[in-house]
Amino acid sequence: MIPNDGKNHLRVHPKFLHSNATSHKWAFGAIAELLDNAVDEIQNGATFVIVDKISNPRNGSPALLIQDNGGGMDPACLRRCMSFGFSEKSKSMIGKYGNGFKTSTMRLGADAIVFCCCMRGRMLTQSVGLLSYTFLMLTGHADIVIPMVDYEFDPSTGVLKTILFPDEEHFYMNLSTLLQWSPYATEAELLKQFDDIGHHGTKVIVFNLWSNDDGDMELDFESDKEDIEITGALHFHKSALTQDHIANRFRHSLRAYLSILYLRTAKNFRIILRGQVVEHHNIADDLKYIEYILYKPQAGGNMEVFVVTTIGFLKEAPKVDIHGFSIYHKNRLILPFWRVVQSNNGIGRGVVGVLEANFVEPTHDKQDFEWTSLFQKLKIRLREMTVEYWDLHCGLIGYRHKSRRSVPSPGTLRPVVVNHNSPTNYIQGAPMPSSSVVVNTLHATNFPNSLFMPEVEMHSPQGLSFGHDHTGSQSVQRPVVTALHIPNVWNAATMSPTAPCTPGHSSGSSQTGSQWESYSRRKQPSHVEASGSMKRRATACLSNHDHEETVGSSDEALLIMQQNEKLRALCIEYEKTEEELQLKVQWLKNELQEVNLKYERLLTAMK
């Protein structure tokens, strides 16, 4: 098409609205997209967003209302919003493609009308725009036409006056289209919608909502008067505990989904769903035996990236068949309870993790990530975390450890076990049950919440253990690994455990199960911290023990020496990691101080 100005313009057929909306496979994902716009307005003073059902005054059918009290949009901004590909959001905001409003509204219903109030300086404007698939298709338009009208408040007269853009003829033609195809038949009804917006804010009404394949309305407003559900999405599980868990409820309950949609919420911002505030739900609060694992992806560039993953068992484990990682991006949930381990033998059951991955990019519908090599590496690492955590701690929820290959994998540290009551003292390469490890948590007052240093104690048959490194008059806890005596745990003939691991108990120890919560031993030494005293004390312990005990065979002595060498190598890695993390702690403290100063300056400016 070549208009009068001689410039080429792209023609977009109305059918593109429907095909473009199919990027949202899930109705709740489309609603979340509209909420993201409201959350991005927090920096402009937004304190709430309302999600509710209203009735279409033209025919009484249900419509979806989403309204916030953010900065609103002036006439020019609204036109960019309802066009394609325009975005004025910064990198720190959730949306950036300039396509979310169109895809989300057209995914939920055939038509959407937008009301905006905006205060720029001393000028108050009110704008109305209609994005109507019904209008475009029934009138046979070959291009997407969006009728809009604008008003300006005249402080001298106290009344609204029309903004004739580009001229009076276009204004009344757009107004006529709005009154014919919107839920409001008169201009007075149209302007009345601004009454509850105030001087700034945005109201979006999606009407002519879509139905599912069975002919029922996709959004269910009737089953729960304080919630919005997806019709037919409720699946029944054998266990009522599993069915009622938020990991399943969010799939059919909007209230459950919105409660976990954001990792952090502003103190003065509320999501109000059908008249009731949505209570924020932190998935990490549902976990027990928690570990915090530091992951450093090779994201490229000069900026070093650190990701802290919170991992643990669900408090209901093993009674619930739920596992997976909830991955956020810039505070927004992208993948909820994403399963990275597919196993039929129960591995990973009940293991749940939470992390914020800002180094990978989400897809346009914000329901998945772009499958780049960086994201695939993240998936592999999360799978390793799950399996490692399960191998170490599955005994805490009543599972037995299964035997593995007799040859230990490179870089894997296994504790030394001396069992004088067993015909064979050592089983080379056999994984130790979780009950063989006794864990104390290091005082973390000098470290950020996302990092910690574990202290590990393993007791020898004589009760010899080391848990403290005394320097001068100050006692400093250090990670120390010694030997542990567990009678009748392993059967040398069958290479399998003969007694189940029980939560919170270890042979020959009075430590309680709560001590497990901070234990973080990993194949990758960079994910834990230790000190140089570990190498010295572990070596001394093994040397004293070898001096006192008589080794039954040369193979047995060789195994002890091999384990000792592994401990030494691991301690060297721990020393390097400790230095790196201390630098990271100092860097984070400096960053936090700068943010606090900036926050104080903003508060002063607002006052």
Foldseek 3Di string as FASTA:
>chain_A
DQDPVRDDDDFDFLVVLQVLLVVDVALLLLVVLVVLVQQLLVVQPKQEWEWEWDALLQPRHIKIKIKIQGQWDAPVRVVQLPDAQDDPDDPLGDDDRSCSVSNSLVNFAQKKKKWWWHQDPNKIKIKIKIQGSPVCVVVVPRGRDIQMWMWIQDVVVRDIDTDAVVHPVSRVVSVCVCLVPGSHNDVVVVVVVCPVRPRGMMMMMRPRTDPDPVRHGQWDCPPDVQWIFGPPQQDDDPDPVQSPDLLNVVRTTSLSVVLDFFQDDDPSHFYGGNNRTRHHDHPLVQFALKEWWWDWFCLDDPDTDIKIKIKGFGPPPPSYQAAAEFEAESRGTQERRHDLDDDDVCQLGRMYMYIYDNSFAPDNSSNGTDPDPRVVVVSVVVVQVSNVCCQQCVLQRWDAHWWDDQAADPLDAAAQEAEPQAPDGDRHRTHDHNLQWFWAFFPCPLFDPSDGATATWGADPVRDTDFWDDDPPDIHGFHAYEYHYAYQQADNVVSGGPDGRYAQHHPPDPGGNSRSSHDDDHSDLLGHAGALVRLVVRVVRLVVVPVVDDDPDPVRVVVSVVSNVSSNVSNVSNHVSVVVVVVVRVVVVVVVVVVVVVVVVVVVVVD
